[in-house]
Amino acid sequence: MAAKGEKTREYILNESYVLFAKKGFKQVTMKDVCEVTNMSRGGLYSHFSSTGELFEALLEVITQNDEMDFRDRIKKGTPAAVILDDALKRMEHELINGGDSLNTAMYEYAQTVDSGFFERLHKNSEKKWKELIKYGIKNGEFNDVDVDEIVNMILFSYQGVRMWNGIITIKTKTCRSIIRNIKRQLTGE
């Protein structure tokens, strides 16, 4: 069972997600967070010293809870093709439905800090995908592709569509085409 402080921190992160999604990063103040959480400034500041610290913690939690963390499923021996299908279905759903609504806040935040934080998040995603693809190649489920090349295609097409989907309407057909292309590259289907 989580300690009271951990539950409070989780509550702050959950409530601030909605705030950052609605207002972006630049428009959110600690006062706003106090209002949506019904916390005093002192109470809030005992957990987070700034909106930047709060936003980074939020992104870290999202990344850690990412359903596309394949390691446990690989360890359990789940076929790579099954893991890939699940990940691509999730990606397709996010692409078609606009992805997570923190895109604007992430872009705004990225302009205020050095890129190290986002580079670390990207490296973690690269590592996850490389592990899955190497696992699939080793098991004979995936084509013998250039792992770095396919991972770049997956991550940058996925993130690019998510970013652009907040600016223009991306057709469902386009999103599905990207997902089919990834699957075709890996499995030949």
N, C-alpha and C. Protein backbone atom coordinates (compact mmCIF):
# COMPACT_ATOMS: atom_id res chain seq x y z
N MET A 1 0.84 -1.18 0.00
CA MET A 1 0.00 0.00 0.00
C MET A 1 0.89 1.25 0.00
N ALA A 2 0.53 2.20 -0.83
CA ALA A 2 1.34 3.41 -0.97
C ALA A 2 1.18 4.30 0.26
N ALA A 3 2.27 4.95 0.62
CA ALA A 3 2.25 5.89 1.74
C ALA A 3 1.39 7.10 1.36
N LYS A 4 0.93 7.83 2.38
CA LYS A 4 0.07 8.99 2.14
C LYS A 4 0.73 10.00 1.21
N GLY A 5 2.03 10.27 1.42
CA GLY A 5 2.75 11.22 0.58
C GLY A 5 2.79 10.78 -0.88
N GLU A 6 2.96 9.46 -1.10
CA GLU A 6 2.97 8.94 -2.47
C GLU A 6 1.59 9.08 -3.11
N LYS A 7 0.54 8.83 -2.33
CA LYS A 7 -0.82 8.98 -2.86
C LYS A 7 -1.11 10.44 -3.20
N THR A 8 -0.65 11.35 -2.34
CA THR A 8 -0.85 12.77 -2.60
C THR A 8 -0.11 13.18 -3.87
N ARG A 9 1.12 12.72 -4.01
CA ARG A 9 1.92 13.02 -5.21
C ARG A 9 1.21 12.49 -6.46
N GLU A 10 0.71 11.27 -6.39
CA GLU A 10 -0.02 10.67 -7.52
C GLU A 10 -1.27 11.50 -7.86
N TYR A 11 -1.97 11.93 -6.83
CA TYR A 11 -3.16 12.76 -7.02
C TYR A 11 -2.79 14.07 -7.73
N ILE A 12 -1.71 14.71 -7.29
CA ILE A 12 -1.26 15.96 -7.91
C ILE A 12 -0.94 15.72 -9.39
N LEU A 13 -0.24 14.64 -9.68
CA LEU A 13 0.12 14.33 -11.06
C LEU A 13 -1.12 14.08 -11.92
N ASN A 14 -2.06 13.33 -11.38
CA ASN A 14 -3.29 13.05 -12.14
C ASN A 14 -4.07 14.33 -12.45
N GLU A 15 -4.22 15.17 -11.44
CA GLU A 15 -4.98 16.41 -11.62
C GLU A 15 -4.23 17.39 -12.53
N SER A 16 -2.92 17.43 -12.41
CA SER A 16 -2.16 18.37 -13.24
C SER A 16 -2.11 17.92 -14.70
N TYR A 17 -2.25 16.62 -14.95
CA TYR A 17 -2.30 16.13 -16.34
C TYR A 17 -3.40 16.87 -17.10
N VAL A 18 -4.58 16.90 -16.50
CA VAL A 18 -5.72 17.56 -17.14
C VAL A 18 -5.43 19.04 -17.35
N LEU A 19 -4.82 19.66 -16.38
CA LEU A 19 -4.48 21.07 -16.46
C LEU A 19 -3.49 21.35 -17.59
N PHE A 20 -2.40 20.58 -17.66
CA PHE A 20 -1.41 20.75 -18.72
C PHE A 20 -2.00 20.43 -20.09
N ALA A 21 -2.86 19.43 -20.15
CA ALA A 21 -3.49 19.06 -21.42
C ALA A 21 -4.39 20.19 -21.92
N LYS A 22 -5.07 20.83 -21.02
CA LYS A 22 -6.00 21.89 -21.38
C LYS A 22 -5.29 23.20 -21.70
N LYS A 23 -4.30 23.58 -20.90
CA LYS A 23 -3.69 24.90 -21.00
C LYS A 23 -2.30 24.93 -21.64
N GLY A 24 -1.69 23.75 -21.84
CA GLY A 24 -0.30 23.74 -22.28
C GLY A 24 0.61 23.90 -21.08
N PHE A 25 1.91 24.02 -21.32
CA PHE A 25 2.84 24.17 -20.20
C PHE A 25 2.96 25.62 -19.75
N LYS A 26 3.10 26.53 -20.70
CA LYS A 26 3.41 27.92 -20.38
C LYS A 26 2.32 28.62 -19.56
N GLN A 27 1.09 28.20 -19.73
CA GLN A 27 -0.02 28.89 -19.07
C GLN A 27 -0.35 28.33 -17.69
N VAL A 28 0.29 27.23 -17.29
CA VAL A 28 -0.02 26.63 -15.99
C VAL A 28 0.90 27.22 -14.92
N THR A 29 0.30 27.63 -13.83
CA THR A 29 1.06 28.14 -12.69
C THR A 29 0.86 27.20 -11.49
N MET A 30 1.71 27.36 -10.51
CA MET A 30 1.54 26.57 -9.30
C MET A 30 0.22 26.93 -8.61
N LYS A 31 -0.21 28.16 -8.76
CA LYS A 31 -1.51 28.58 -8.20
C LYS A 31 -2.63 27.77 -8.87
N ASP A 32 -2.54 27.58 -10.19
CA ASP A 32 -3.53 26.76 -10.90
C ASP A 32 -3.57 25.35 -10.34
N VAL A 33 -2.39 24.79 -10.10
CA VAL A 33 -2.31 23.43 -9.57
C VAL A 33 -2.93 23.38 -8.17
N CYS A 34 -2.65 24.38 -7.36
CA CYS A 34 -3.27 24.45 -6.02
C CYS A 34 -4.79 24.44 -6.14
N GLU A 35 -5.30 25.21 -7.09
CA GLU A 35 -6.76 25.30 -7.26
C GLU A 35 -7.38 23.97 -7.68
N VAL A 36 -6.77 23.28 -8.66
CA VAL A 36 -7.38 22.03 -9.12
C VAL A 36 -7.21 20.89 -8.13
N THR A 37 -6.20 20.99 -7.28
CA THR A 37 -5.97 19.93 -6.30
C THR A 37 -6.55 20.25 -4.93
N ASN A 38 -7.03 21.51 -4.77
CA ASN A 38 -7.52 21.97 -3.47
C ASN A 38 -6.45 21.85 -2.38
N MET A 39 -5.21 22.14 -2.77
CA MET A 39 -4.10 22.08 -1.83
C MET A 39 -3.59 23.48 -1.53
N SER A 40 -2.98 23.61 -0.37
CA SER A 40 -2.32 24.88 -0.04
C SER A 40 -1.01 24.94 -0.82
N ARG A 41 -0.46 26.14 -0.96
CA ARG A 41 0.83 26.28 -1.64
C ARG A 41 1.90 25.48 -0.92
N GLY A 42 1.90 25.56 0.41
CA GLY A 42 2.89 24.81 1.19
C GLY A 42 2.79 23.32 0.95
N GLY A 43 1.55 22.83 0.92
CA GLY A 43 1.34 21.41 0.66
C GLY A 43 1.85 20.99 -0.71
N LEU A 44 1.55 21.82 -1.70
CA LEU A 44 2.00 21.52 -3.06
C LEU A 44 3.51 21.59 -3.17
N TYR A 45 4.09 22.66 -2.60
CA TYR A 45 5.53 22.86 -2.69
C TYR A 45 6.31 21.80 -1.91
N SER A 46 5.67 21.11 -1.00
CA SER A 46 6.37 20.02 -0.30
C SER A 46 6.58 18.82 -1.23
N HIS A 47 5.86 18.80 -2.35
CA HIS A 47 6.00 17.71 -3.33
C HIS A 47 6.74 18.16 -4.59
N PHE A 48 6.47 19.39 -5.04
CA PHE A 48 7.07 19.90 -6.27
C PHE A 48 7.44 21.37 -6.09
N SER A 49 8.63 21.73 -6.53
CA SER A 49 9.10 23.11 -6.33
C SER A 49 8.73 24.05 -7.47
N SER A 50 8.29 23.49 -8.60
CA SER A 50 7.96 24.32 -9.76
C SER A 50 7.09 23.54 -10.73
N THR A 51 6.50 24.27 -11.67
CA THR A 51 5.71 23.58 -12.70
C THR A 51 6.62 22.72 -13.57
N GLY A 52 7.85 23.14 -13.77
CA GLY A 52 8.80 22.34 -14.54
C GLY A 52 9.07 21.01 -13.89
N GLU A 53 9.33 21.03 -12.59
CA GLU A 53 9.57 19.78 -11.86
C GLU A 53 8.33 18.89 -11.90
N LEU A 54 7.17 19.49 -11.73
CA LEU A 54 5.91 18.76 -11.77
C LEU A 54 5.69 18.13 -13.15
N PHE A 55 5.93 18.90 -14.20
CA PHE A 55 5.71 18.40 -15.56
C PHE A 55 6.67 17.26 -15.90
N GLU A 56 7.93 17.41 -15.49
CA GLU A 56 8.90 16.33 -15.74
C GLU A 56 8.49 15.06 -14.99
N ALA A 57 8.03 15.20 -13.77
CA ALA A 57 7.58 14.04 -12.99
C ALA A 57 6.40 13.38 -13.69
N LEU A 58 5.50 14.19 -14.21
CA LEU A 58 4.34 13.68 -14.93
C LEU A 58 4.78 12.88 -16.16
N LEU A 59 5.71 13.43 -16.94
CA LEU A 59 6.19 12.72 -18.12
C LEU A 59 6.94 11.44 -17.75
N GLU A 60 7.67 11.48 -16.65
CA GLU A 60 8.38 10.28 -16.19
C GLU A 60 7.37 9.18 -15.84
N VAL A 61 6.30 9.53 -15.13
CA VAL A 61 5.29 8.55 -14.75
C VAL A 61 4.62 7.97 -15.99
N ILE A 62 4.29 8.83 -16.93
CA ILE A 62 3.66 8.36 -18.17
C ILE A 62 4.60 7.39 -18.89
N THR A 63 5.87 7.73 -18.96
CA THR A 63 6.85 6.88 -19.63
C THR A 63 7.03 5.55 -18.90
N GLN A 64 7.10 5.59 -17.57
CA GLN A 64 7.25 4.36 -16.80
C GLN A 64 6.03 3.47 -16.92
N ASN A 65 4.86 4.07 -16.98
CA ASN A 65 3.62 3.30 -17.07
C ASN A 65 3.27 2.95 -18.50
N ASP A 66 4.13 3.33 -19.41
CA ASP A 66 3.89 3.12 -20.83
C ASP A 66 3.58 1.65 -21.10
N GLU A 67 2.44 1.40 -21.71
CA GLU A 67 2.03 0.05 -22.03
C GLU A 67 2.96 -0.58 -23.07
N MET A 68 3.78 0.24 -23.71
CA MET A 68 4.69 -0.30 -24.70
C MET A 68 6.05 -0.63 -24.08
N ASP A 69 6.07 -0.91 -22.78
CA ASP A 69 7.28 -1.41 -22.17
C ASP A 69 7.24 -2.92 -22.35
N PHE A 70 8.02 -3.41 -23.29
CA PHE A 70 7.92 -4.80 -23.73
C PHE A 70 8.71 -5.79 -22.89
N ARG A 71 9.57 -5.31 -22.02
CA ARG A 71 10.52 -6.19 -21.32
C ARG A 71 9.86 -7.35 -20.57
N ASP A 72 8.83 -7.05 -19.80
CA ASP A 72 8.17 -8.12 -19.03
C ASP A 72 7.57 -9.17 -19.96
N ARG A 73 6.98 -8.73 -21.04
CA ARG A 73 6.36 -9.68 -21.97
C ARG A 73 7.41 -10.52 -22.68
N ILE A 74 8.55 -9.91 -22.99
CA ILE A 74 9.65 -10.66 -23.61
C ILE A 74 10.16 -11.71 -22.63
N LYS A 75 10.35 -11.30 -21.35
CA LYS A 75 10.83 -12.23 -20.33
C LYS A 75 9.89 -13.42 -20.16
N LYS A 76 8.58 -13.18 -20.32
CA LYS A 76 7.59 -14.25 -20.17
C LYS A 76 7.50 -15.13 -21.42
N GLY A 77 8.22 -14.75 -22.47
CA GLY A 77 8.21 -15.55 -23.69
C GLY A 77 7.04 -15.28 -24.62
N THR A 78 6.36 -14.17 -24.42
CA THR A 78 5.26 -13.81 -25.32
C THR A 78 5.84 -13.64 -26.73
N PRO A 79 5.20 -14.22 -27.74
CA PRO A 79 5.73 -14.08 -29.10
C PRO A 79 5.87 -12.60 -29.50
N ALA A 80 6.96 -12.30 -30.18
CA ALA A 80 7.23 -10.93 -30.61
C ALA A 80 6.12 -10.39 -31.49
N ALA A 81 5.54 -11.25 -32.34
CA ALA A 81 4.46 -10.80 -33.23
C ALA A 81 3.24 -10.36 -32.44
N VAL A 82 2.96 -11.01 -31.33
CA VAL A 82 1.82 -10.64 -30.48
C VAL A 82 2.10 -9.29 -29.81
N ILE A 83 3.31 -9.13 -29.30
CA ILE A 83 3.68 -7.87 -28.66
C ILE A 83 3.60 -6.73 -29.68
N LEU A 84 4.12 -6.98 -30.88
CA LEU A 84 4.08 -5.97 -31.94
C LEU A 84 2.65 -5.61 -32.29
N ASP A 85 1.79 -6.61 -32.48
CA ASP A 85 0.39 -6.33 -32.82
C ASP A 85 -0.28 -5.46 -31.76
N ASP A 86 -0.05 -5.78 -30.49
CA ASP A 86 -0.63 -4.99 -29.40
C ASP A 86 -0.12 -3.55 -29.44
N ALA A 87 1.19 -3.39 -29.63
CA ALA A 87 1.78 -2.05 -29.67
C ALA A 87 1.27 -1.25 -30.86
N LEU A 88 1.17 -1.90 -32.02
CA LEU A 88 0.70 -1.19 -33.21
C LEU A 88 -0.77 -0.82 -33.10
N LYS A 89 -1.57 -1.66 -32.47
CA LYS A 89 -2.98 -1.32 -32.24
C LYS A 89 -3.09 -0.08 -31.35
N ARG A 90 -2.28 -0.06 -30.30
CA ARG A 90 -2.28 1.10 -29.40
C ARG A 90 -1.83 2.36 -30.14
N MET A 91 -0.76 2.22 -30.92
CA MET A 91 -0.26 3.36 -31.69
C MET A 91 -1.31 3.86 -32.67
N GLU A 92 -1.95 2.93 -33.37
CA GLU A 92 -2.99 3.31 -34.34
C GLU A 92 -4.11 4.06 -33.65
N HIS A 93 -4.55 3.55 -32.51
CA HIS A 93 -5.62 4.21 -31.76
C HIS A 93 -5.21 5.64 -31.39
N GLU A 94 -3.98 5.81 -30.88
CA GLU A 94 -3.51 7.14 -30.50
C GLU A 94 -3.39 8.07 -31.70
N LEU A 95 -2.91 7.53 -32.83
CA LEU A 95 -2.76 8.36 -34.02
C LEU A 95 -4.12 8.82 -34.54
N ILE A 96 -5.05 7.90 -34.59
CA ILE A 96 -6.38 8.22 -35.13
C ILE A 96 -7.14 9.15 -34.19
N ASN A 97 -6.96 8.96 -32.90
CA ASN A 97 -7.72 9.75 -31.92
C ASN A 97 -6.95 10.95 -31.37
N GLY A 98 -5.88 11.32 -32.03
CA GLY A 98 -5.16 12.52 -31.63
C GLY A 98 -4.08 12.30 -30.59
N GLY A 99 -3.82 11.06 -30.20
CA GLY A 99 -2.74 10.80 -29.26
C GLY A 99 -3.03 11.40 -27.89
N ASP A 100 -2.01 11.47 -27.07
CA ASP A 100 -2.23 12.07 -25.76
C ASP A 100 -2.19 13.58 -25.90
N SER A 101 -2.97 14.23 -25.11
CA SER A 101 -3.17 15.66 -25.28
C SER A 101 -2.11 16.52 -24.60
N LEU A 102 -0.99 15.93 -24.23
CA LEU A 102 0.09 16.71 -23.65
C LEU A 102 1.07 17.22 -24.72
N ASN A 103 0.75 16.98 -25.99
CA ASN A 103 1.68 17.35 -27.06
C ASN A 103 2.04 18.83 -27.02
N THR A 104 1.06 19.71 -26.88
CA THR A 104 1.34 21.15 -26.85
C THR A 104 2.20 21.49 -25.64
N ALA A 105 1.85 20.94 -24.49
CA ALA A 105 2.62 21.21 -23.28
C ALA A 105 4.05 20.70 -23.42
N MET A 106 4.22 19.54 -24.03
CA MET A 106 5.56 18.99 -24.23
C MET A 106 6.39 19.90 -25.14
N TYR A 107 5.78 20.36 -26.20
CA TYR A 107 6.48 21.24 -27.13
C TYR A 107 6.88 22.54 -26.42
N GLU A 108 5.96 23.11 -25.67
CA GLU A 108 6.26 24.35 -24.94
C GLU A 108 7.36 24.12 -23.91
N TYR A 109 7.28 23.01 -23.18
CA TYR A 109 8.28 22.74 -22.17
C TYR A 109 9.66 22.52 -22.80
N ALA A 110 9.68 21.84 -23.93
CA ALA A 110 10.95 21.56 -24.61
C ALA A 110 11.67 22.86 -24.98
N GLN A 111 10.93 23.92 -25.17
CA GLN A 111 11.55 25.21 -25.52
C GLN A 111 12.15 25.91 -24.31
N THR A 112 11.84 25.44 -23.11
CA THR A 112 12.31 26.11 -21.90
C THR A 112 13.49 25.42 -21.23
N VAL A 113 13.80 24.21 -21.64
CA VAL A 113 14.87 23.44 -21.00
C VAL A 113 15.85 22.94 -22.04
N ASP A 114 17.01 22.48 -21.57
CA ASP A 114 17.91 21.87 -22.55
C ASP A 114 17.32 20.52 -22.93
N SER A 115 17.75 19.99 -24.03
CA SER A 115 17.11 18.82 -24.61
C SER A 115 17.44 17.51 -23.90
N GLY A 116 18.28 17.54 -22.89
CA GLY A 116 18.69 16.31 -22.23
C GLY A 116 17.54 15.47 -21.70
N PHE A 117 16.56 16.11 -21.11
CA PHE A 117 15.42 15.37 -20.56
C PHE A 117 14.68 14.61 -21.65
N PHE A 118 14.37 15.29 -22.75
CA PHE A 118 13.63 14.63 -23.83
C PHE A 118 14.50 13.62 -24.58
N GLU A 119 15.79 13.87 -24.65
CA GLU A 119 16.69 12.89 -25.27
C GLU A 119 16.72 11.61 -24.45
N ARG A 120 16.67 11.73 -23.14
CA ARG A 120 16.63 10.54 -22.28
C ARG A 120 15.34 9.76 -22.49
N LEU A 121 14.21 10.46 -22.60
CA LEU A 121 12.94 9.77 -22.87
C LEU A 121 13.00 9.05 -24.22
N HIS A 122 13.57 9.74 -25.22
CA HIS A 122 13.69 9.14 -26.55
C HIS A 122 14.59 7.91 -26.52
N LYS A 123 15.72 7.99 -25.82
CA LYS A 123 16.65 6.85 -25.73
C LYS A 123 15.96 5.65 -25.08
N ASN A 124 15.13 5.90 -24.07
CA ASN A 124 14.39 4.80 -23.44
C ASN A 124 13.44 4.14 -24.43
N SER A 125 12.77 4.94 -25.25
CA SER A 125 11.87 4.38 -26.26
C SER A 125 12.65 3.58 -27.30
N GLU A 126 13.78 4.13 -27.72
CA GLU A 126 14.64 3.41 -28.67
C GLU A 126 15.03 2.05 -28.11
N LYS A 127 15.45 2.04 -26.88
CA LYS A 127 15.91 0.80 -26.25
C LYS A 127 14.80 -0.25 -26.22
N LYS A 128 13.58 0.16 -25.83
CA LYS A 128 12.45 -0.76 -25.78
C LYS A 128 12.18 -1.39 -27.14
N TRP A 129 12.12 -0.52 -28.16
CA TRP A 129 11.81 -1.01 -29.49
C TRP A 129 12.92 -1.89 -30.05
N LYS A 130 14.17 -1.52 -29.80
CA LYS A 130 15.29 -2.34 -30.28
C LYS A 130 15.24 -3.73 -29.64
N GLU A 131 14.95 -3.79 -28.35
CA GLU A 131 14.85 -5.09 -27.67
C GLU A 131 13.77 -5.95 -28.31
N LEU A 132 12.61 -5.35 -28.59
CA LEU A 132 11.52 -6.11 -29.20
C LEU A 132 11.91 -6.60 -30.59
N ILE A 133 12.48 -5.75 -31.39
CA ILE A 133 12.80 -6.14 -32.77
C ILE A 133 13.89 -7.20 -32.80
N LYS A 134 14.91 -7.04 -31.98
CA LYS A 134 15.97 -8.06 -31.92
C LYS A 134 15.41 -9.40 -31.44
N TYR A 135 14.51 -9.35 -30.48
CA TYR A 135 13.84 -10.55 -29.97
C TYR A 135 13.06 -11.23 -31.10
N GLY A 136 12.32 -10.44 -31.87
CA GLY A 136 11.55 -10.99 -32.97
C GLY A 136 12.43 -11.57 -34.08
N ILE A 137 13.54 -10.93 -34.38
CA ILE A 137 14.47 -11.44 -35.38
C ILE A 137 15.09 -12.75 -34.89
N LYS A 138 15.52 -12.74 -33.64
CA LYS A 138 16.14 -13.94 -33.06
C LYS A 138 15.20 -15.13 -33.10
N ASN A 139 13.91 -14.89 -32.84
CA ASN A 139 12.92 -15.97 -32.82
C ASN A 139 12.39 -16.32 -34.21
N GLY A 140 12.86 -15.62 -35.23
CA GLY A 140 12.41 -15.90 -36.59
C GLY A 140 11.03 -15.35 -36.91
N GLU A 141 10.51 -14.48 -36.05
CA GLU A 141 9.18 -13.91 -36.29
C GLU A 141 9.25 -12.64 -37.14
N PHE A 142 10.38 -11.95 -37.11
CA PHE A 142 10.54 -10.71 -37.86
C PHE A 142 11.60 -10.90 -38.94
N ASN A 143 11.47 -10.12 -39.98
CA ASN A 143 12.48 -10.09 -41.03
C ASN A 143 13.79 -9.57 -40.44
N ASP A 144 14.88 -9.93 -41.09
CA ASP A 144 16.21 -9.47 -40.64
C ASP A 144 16.42 -8.05 -41.15
N VAL A 145 15.84 -7.10 -40.43
CA VAL A 145 15.87 -5.69 -40.84
C VAL A 145 17.02 -4.97 -40.16
N ASP A 146 17.33 -3.78 -40.65
CA ASP A 146 18.28 -2.90 -39.98
C ASP A 146 17.53 -2.33 -38.77
N VAL A 147 17.91 -2.78 -37.59
CA VAL A 147 17.17 -2.46 -36.36
C VAL A 147 17.13 -0.95 -36.12
N ASP A 148 18.28 -0.28 -36.25
CA ASP A 148 18.31 1.17 -36.02
C ASP A 148 17.38 1.89 -37.00
N GLU A 149 17.41 1.47 -38.25
CA GLU A 149 16.59 2.12 -39.28
C GLU A 149 15.10 1.97 -39.00
N ILE A 150 14.66 0.77 -38.65
CA ILE A 150 13.23 0.54 -38.41
C ILE A 150 12.78 1.24 -37.13
N VAL A 151 13.64 1.27 -36.12
CA VAL A 151 13.27 1.96 -34.88
C VAL A 151 13.12 3.46 -35.14
N ASN A 152 14.02 4.04 -35.91
CA ASN A 152 13.88 5.45 -36.27
C ASN A 152 12.58 5.69 -37.03
N MET A 153 12.27 4.81 -37.97
CA MET A 153 11.03 4.96 -38.73
C MET A 153 9.81 4.90 -37.80
N ILE A 154 9.80 3.95 -36.88
CA ILE A 154 8.68 3.79 -35.96
C ILE A 154 8.53 5.04 -35.07
N LEU A 155 9.60 5.40 -34.40
CA LEU A 155 9.51 6.48 -33.42
C LEU A 155 9.24 7.84 -34.06
N PHE A 156 9.93 8.15 -35.14
CA PHE A 156 9.76 9.48 -35.72
C PHE A 156 8.47 9.61 -36.52
N SER A 157 8.01 8.53 -37.14
CA SER A 157 6.72 8.64 -37.82
C SER A 157 5.60 8.75 -36.79
N TYR A 158 5.67 7.95 -35.73
CA TYR A 158 4.68 7.98 -34.66
C TYR A 158 4.62 9.35 -33.98
N GLN A 159 5.78 9.84 -33.54
CA GLN A 159 5.80 11.15 -32.87
C GLN A 159 5.44 12.28 -33.82
N GLY A 160 5.88 12.17 -35.06
CA GLY A 160 5.56 13.21 -36.04
C GLY A 160 4.07 13.32 -36.30
N VAL A 161 3.41 12.19 -36.48
CA VAL A 161 1.96 12.21 -36.71
C VAL A 161 1.24 12.71 -35.47
N ARG A 162 1.69 12.29 -34.29
CA ARG A 162 1.06 12.78 -33.07
C ARG A 162 1.17 14.30 -32.97
N MET A 163 2.35 14.83 -33.30
CA MET A 163 2.54 16.28 -33.23
C MET A 163 1.66 16.99 -34.26
N TRP A 164 1.71 16.51 -35.48
CA TRP A 164 0.94 17.17 -36.55
C TRP A 164 -0.57 17.02 -36.35
N ASN A 165 -0.98 15.95 -35.70
CA ASN A 165 -2.41 15.73 -35.47
C ASN A 165 -3.00 16.82 -34.57
N GLY A 166 -2.17 17.48 -33.79
CA GLY A 166 -2.64 18.60 -32.98
C GLY A 166 -2.74 19.89 -33.77
N ILE A 167 -2.19 19.89 -34.98
CA ILE A 167 -2.16 21.10 -35.80
C ILE A 167 -3.11 20.99 -36.99
N ILE A 168 -3.09 19.84 -37.64
CA ILE A 168 -3.98 19.60 -38.79
C ILE A 168 -4.68 18.27 -38.59
N THR A 169 -5.71 18.03 -39.37
CA THR A 169 -6.41 16.75 -39.29
C THR A 169 -5.68 15.74 -40.17
N ILE A 170 -5.22 14.67 -39.56
CA ILE A 170 -4.57 13.59 -40.30
C ILE A 170 -5.64 12.54 -40.57
N LYS A 171 -5.73 12.12 -41.81
CA LYS A 171 -6.75 11.14 -42.18
C LYS A 171 -6.47 9.79 -41.53
N THR A 172 -7.54 9.11 -41.15
CA THR A 172 -7.44 7.76 -40.59
C THR A 172 -6.69 6.86 -41.54
N LYS A 173 -6.96 7.00 -42.81
CA LYS A 173 -6.30 6.19 -43.85
C LYS A 173 -4.77 6.35 -43.78
N THR A 174 -4.31 7.56 -43.55
CA THR A 174 -2.87 7.83 -43.45
C THR A 174 -2.29 7.13 -42.23
N CYS A 175 -2.96 7.24 -41.09
CA CYS A 175 -2.49 6.60 -39.86
C CYS A 175 -2.40 5.09 -40.04
N ARG A 176 -3.42 4.51 -40.62
CA ARG A 176 -3.44 3.05 -40.83
C ARG A 176 -2.37 2.62 -41.82
N SER A 177 -2.09 3.45 -42.79
CA SER A 177 -1.05 3.15 -43.78
C SER A 177 0.32 3.09 -43.10
N ILE A 178 0.58 4.00 -42.19
CA ILE A 178 1.87 4.02 -41.46
C ILE A 178 2.01 2.74 -40.64
N ILE A 179 0.96 2.36 -39.95
CA ILE A 179 0.99 1.15 -39.11
C ILE A 179 1.19 -0.09 -39.98
N ARG A 180 0.48 -0.17 -41.11
CA ARG A 180 0.64 -1.32 -42.03
C ARG A 180 2.07 -1.40 -42.56
N ASN A 181 2.65 -0.26 -42.87
CA ASN A 181 4.01 -0.23 -43.40
C ASN A 181 5.01 -0.76 -42.36
N ILE A 182 4.84 -0.35 -41.11
CA ILE A 182 5.73 -0.85 -40.05
C ILE A 182 5.61 -2.36 -39.95
N LYS A 183 4.38 -2.86 -39.93
CA LYS A 183 4.16 -4.30 -39.81
C LYS A 183 4.73 -5.04 -41.01
N ARG A 184 4.53 -4.49 -42.20
CA ARG A 184 5.04 -5.12 -43.42
C ARG A 184 6.57 -5.20 -43.40
N GLN A 185 7.21 -4.14 -42.93
CA GLN A 185 8.67 -4.13 -42.85
C GLN A 185 9.18 -5.24 -41.93
N LEU A 186 8.48 -5.44 -40.83
CA LEU A 186 8.94 -6.40 -39.83
C LEU A 186 8.50 -7.83 -40.12
N THR A 187 7.26 -8.00 -40.55
CA THR A 187 6.74 -9.36 -40.68
C THR A 187 6.46 -9.80 -42.11
N GLY A 188 6.47 -8.87 -43.03
CA GLY A 188 6.16 -9.21 -44.41
C GLY A 188 4.66 -9.27 -44.69
N GLU A 189 3.84 -9.10 -43.67
CA GLU A 189 2.37 -9.14 -43.87
C GLU A 189 1.87 -7.88 -44.52
